[in-house]
Amino acid sequence: MRLSSLCFSPNQNLGLLHRTRKPRKSKTDAAQPASDLSLLKALQSASSELGISNVNDWYKISSSKFAKSASGRSIRRQFGLNLHQALKEAYKDHLWEDWRFKRVPTGFWKNLDAQRSFFNQLGQLYDIDESSLGKWYRIDPKIVEQAGGRGLLWMNYRGSLPEALKLADPHHRRPPAPFP
């Protein structure tokens, strides 16, 4: 053991010695940092290869289709980015709605901010605001699924829209049932 591999840790009691290791390099560590211009050019090349004519067409491309394309492989190799990461890095001013992609990033629906954002966008589409929250209970869960929220409902709330609304927005209160 070399002396340089030992160090004192301020987080350990009594300053006990422990070994530190250099982190292993993964395949993506060899990737170059993305410069906005070079990544944008690579995505433009991918867009012509994949038949994309505007930014919103990217939602129609699956991660696997992107990864199988020559440009997608090049972006992964050169920048170490997947489809979602590359798009967010290159088009920083665009508000990406991850639920519109064919597949959302792993763990996406665990994020309450993502859930709230999804319901806010869907609420705007169906003219539901703070004064009309009761409209949510007339929305068929299939509409939520078709809008991209299938994973949200089924992975987190067993398909229950009321449960999703309650947990995604703890201040949300179900309106009282009308008297018969």
Protein backbone atom coordinates (compact mmCIF):
# COMPACT_ATOMS: atom_id res chain seq x y z
CA MET A 1 0.00 0.00 0.00
CA ARG A 2 1.36 3.38 -0.96
CA LEU A 3 1.28 6.23 1.52
CA SER A 4 -0.45 8.46 -1.02
CA SER A 5 -3.48 6.15 -0.99
CA LEU A 6 -4.15 6.97 2.67
CA CYS A 7 -5.77 10.12 3.91
CA PHE A 8 -7.57 11.53 6.89
CA SER A 9 -11.29 11.87 6.61
CA PRO A 10 -12.96 14.71 8.53
CA ASN A 11 -16.21 12.73 8.41
CA GLN A 12 -14.84 9.79 10.37
CA ASN A 13 -14.55 9.74 14.16
CA LEU A 14 -11.10 10.38 15.60
CA GLY A 15 -9.67 10.98 12.13
CA LEU A 16 -9.15 7.26 11.45
CA LEU A 17 -7.17 6.40 8.37
CA HIS A 18 -9.00 4.97 5.41
CA ARG A 19 -8.11 4.15 1.85
CA THR A 20 -9.30 6.26 -1.01
CA ARG A 21 -9.51 4.89 -4.51
CA LYS A 22 -9.52 6.66 -7.75
CA PRO A 23 -12.96 6.32 -9.32
CA ARG A 24 -13.11 3.89 -12.22
CA LYS A 25 -13.56 5.37 -15.61
CA SER A 26 -16.73 4.37 -17.36
CA LYS A 27 -17.17 4.29 -21.11
CA THR A 28 -18.79 7.72 -21.02
CA ASP A 29 -15.87 9.27 -19.10
CA ALA A 30 -13.90 9.26 -22.34
CA ALA A 31 -16.53 11.48 -23.92
CA GLN A 32 -15.71 15.09 -24.62
CA PRO A 33 -17.66 17.86 -22.88
CA ALA A 34 -20.42 19.01 -25.17
CA SER A 35 -19.88 22.37 -26.76
CA ASP A 36 -23.23 23.81 -27.70
CA LEU A 37 -22.27 24.28 -31.33
CA SER A 38 -20.75 20.84 -31.94
CA LEU A 39 -23.62 19.06 -30.21
CA LEU A 40 -26.15 21.13 -32.12
CA LYS A 41 -24.45 20.19 -35.40
CA ALA A 42 -24.49 16.52 -34.42
CA LEU A 43 -28.21 16.71 -33.58
CA GLN A 44 -28.90 18.47 -36.88
CA SER A 45 -27.19 15.60 -38.64
CA ALA A 46 -29.30 13.15 -36.63
CA SER A 47 -32.46 15.08 -37.44
CA SER A 48 -31.88 14.79 -41.18
CA GLU A 49 -31.02 11.09 -40.78
CA LEU A 50 -34.19 10.45 -38.73
CA GLY A 51 -36.54 12.67 -40.76
CA ILE A 52 -37.07 15.37 -38.14
CA SER A 53 -38.24 18.72 -39.45
CA ASN A 54 -38.83 20.66 -36.20
CA VAL A 55 -37.90 20.43 -32.52
CA ASN A 56 -41.20 18.84 -31.51
CA ASP A 57 -40.65 15.95 -33.94
CA TRP A 58 -38.03 14.63 -31.49
CA TYR A 59 -40.88 13.43 -29.27
CA LYS A 60 -41.75 10.84 -31.93
CA ILE A 61 -38.27 9.27 -31.88
CA SER A 62 -37.71 6.40 -29.48
CA SER A 63 -34.46 6.19 -27.54
CA SER A 64 -33.68 2.87 -29.21
CA LYS A 65 -34.22 4.28 -32.72
CA PHE A 66 -31.93 7.18 -31.84
CA ALA A 67 -29.30 4.84 -30.40
CA LYS A 68 -29.38 2.63 -33.51
CA SER A 69 -28.88 5.56 -35.88
CA ALA A 70 -25.35 6.44 -36.96
CA SER A 71 -25.71 9.98 -35.61
CA GLY A 72 -27.13 8.72 -32.31
CA ARG A 73 -24.19 6.34 -31.86
CA SER A 74 -21.81 9.17 -32.70
CA ILE A 75 -23.43 11.50 -30.13
CA ARG A 76 -23.27 8.79 -27.48
CA ARG A 77 -19.62 8.04 -28.28
CA GLN A 78 -18.46 11.64 -28.67
CA PHE A 79 -20.48 13.35 -25.92
CA GLY A 80 -21.63 10.50 -23.67
CA LEU A 81 -25.24 11.65 -23.87
CA ASN A 82 -28.48 9.80 -24.49
CA LEU A 83 -31.35 11.30 -26.50
CA HIS A 84 -32.96 13.22 -23.62
CA GLN A 85 -29.66 14.56 -22.33
CA ALA A 86 -28.47 15.63 -25.76
CA LEU A 87 -31.70 17.47 -26.56
CA LYS A 88 -31.78 19.27 -23.22
CA GLU A 89 -28.13 20.24 -23.56
CA ALA A 90 -28.41 21.49 -27.14
CA TYR A 91 -31.81 23.18 -26.90
CA LYS A 92 -31.61 24.75 -23.44
CA ASP A 93 -34.25 27.39 -24.19
CA HIS A 94 -36.84 24.80 -25.19
CA LEU A 95 -39.14 23.58 -22.41
CA TRP A 96 -38.96 19.81 -22.84
CA GLU A 97 -42.02 17.87 -21.73
CA ASP A 98 -40.41 14.50 -21.01
CA TRP A 99 -43.76 12.70 -20.82
CA ARG A 100 -44.28 13.36 -24.54
CA PHE A 101 -41.35 11.10 -25.45
CA LYS A 102 -42.13 7.47 -26.24
CA ARG A 103 -40.29 6.55 -23.03
CA VAL A 104 -39.47 8.81 -20.11
CA PRO A 105 -36.07 8.75 -18.38
CA THR A 106 -35.72 6.22 -15.55
CA GLY A 107 -37.19 7.54 -12.31
CA PHE A 108 -38.86 10.49 -14.04
CA TRP A 109 -42.32 9.87 -12.56
CA LYS A 110 -40.92 9.60 -9.01
CA ASN A 111 -40.26 13.35 -9.15
CA LEU A 112 -43.25 15.28 -7.74
CA ASP A 113 -42.26 18.40 -9.70
CA ALA A 114 -42.50 16.37 -12.92
CA GLN A 115 -45.93 15.09 -11.86
CA ARG A 116 -47.14 18.61 -11.06
CA SER A 117 -45.80 19.92 -14.34
CA PHE A 118 -47.61 17.16 -16.23
CA PHE A 119 -50.92 17.88 -14.48
CA ASN A 120 -50.49 21.63 -15.00
CA GLN A 121 -50.00 21.12 -18.75
CA LEU A 122 -52.93 18.71 -18.96
CA GLY A 123 -55.05 21.11 -16.90
CA GLN A 124 -54.33 23.90 -19.37
CA LEU A 125 -55.34 21.63 -22.22
CA TYR A 126 -58.70 20.88 -20.55
CA ASP A 127 -59.22 24.39 -19.14
CA ILE A 128 -58.81 23.33 -15.52
CA ASP A 129 -57.47 25.99 -13.17
CA GLU A 130 -57.52 26.74 -9.44
CA SER A 131 -61.18 27.74 -9.59
CA SER A 132 -62.31 24.59 -11.40
CA LEU A 133 -60.38 21.73 -9.78
CA GLY A 134 -63.55 19.63 -9.61
CA LYS A 135 -63.23 19.11 -13.38
CA TRP A 136 -60.39 16.67 -12.72
CA TYR A 137 -62.91 14.18 -11.39
CA ARG A 138 -64.74 14.18 -14.72
CA ILE A 139 -61.53 13.38 -16.62
CA ASP A 140 -61.26 9.75 -17.68
CA PRO A 141 -57.90 8.24 -16.61
CA LYS A 142 -57.50 7.01 -20.20
CA ILE A 143 -57.14 10.65 -21.26
CA VAL A 144 -54.27 11.03 -18.78
CA GLU A 145 -52.67 7.87 -20.19
CA GLN A 146 -53.05 9.05 -23.80
CA ALA A 147 -51.45 12.39 -22.90
CA GLY A 148 -48.33 10.54 -21.74
CA GLY A 149 -49.16 9.90 -18.09
CA ARG A 150 -49.64 6.13 -18.21
CA GLY A 151 -46.42 5.51 -16.28
CA LEU A 152 -47.34 8.18 -13.77
CA LEU A 153 -50.71 6.59 -12.99
CA TRP A 154 -49.71 2.93 -13.03
CA MET A 155 -46.21 2.97 -11.58
CA ASN A 156 -47.07 5.28 -8.70
CA TYR A 157 -50.83 5.21 -8.10
CA ARG A 158 -52.14 1.82 -9.38
CA GLY A 159 -54.10 3.60 -12.10
CA SER A 160 -55.96 5.91 -9.72
CA LEU A 161 -56.28 9.48 -10.96
CA PRO A 162 -57.72 10.76 -7.63
CA GLU A 163 -54.74 9.28 -5.76
CA ALA A 164 -52.33 10.85 -8.24
CA LEU A 165 -53.98 14.24 -7.84
CA LYS A 166 -53.98 13.98 -4.06
CA LEU A 167 -50.30 13.04 -3.79
CA ALA A 168 -48.99 15.19 -6.63
CA ASP A 169 -50.67 18.24 -5.10
CA PRO A 170 -51.15 17.85 -1.34
CA HIS A 171 -53.12 21.12 -1.20
CA HIS A 172 -55.63 19.76 -3.70
CA ARG A 173 -58.95 18.94 -2.05
CA ARG A 174 -61.66 16.91 -3.71
CA PRO A 175 -64.82 18.98 -3.92
CA PRO A 176 -67.72 17.79 -1.78
CA ALA A 177 -70.11 15.42 -3.54
CA PRO A 178 -73.25 17.16 -4.75
CA PHE A 179 -76.42 16.41 -2.83
CA PRO A 180 -78.84 14.10 -4.69
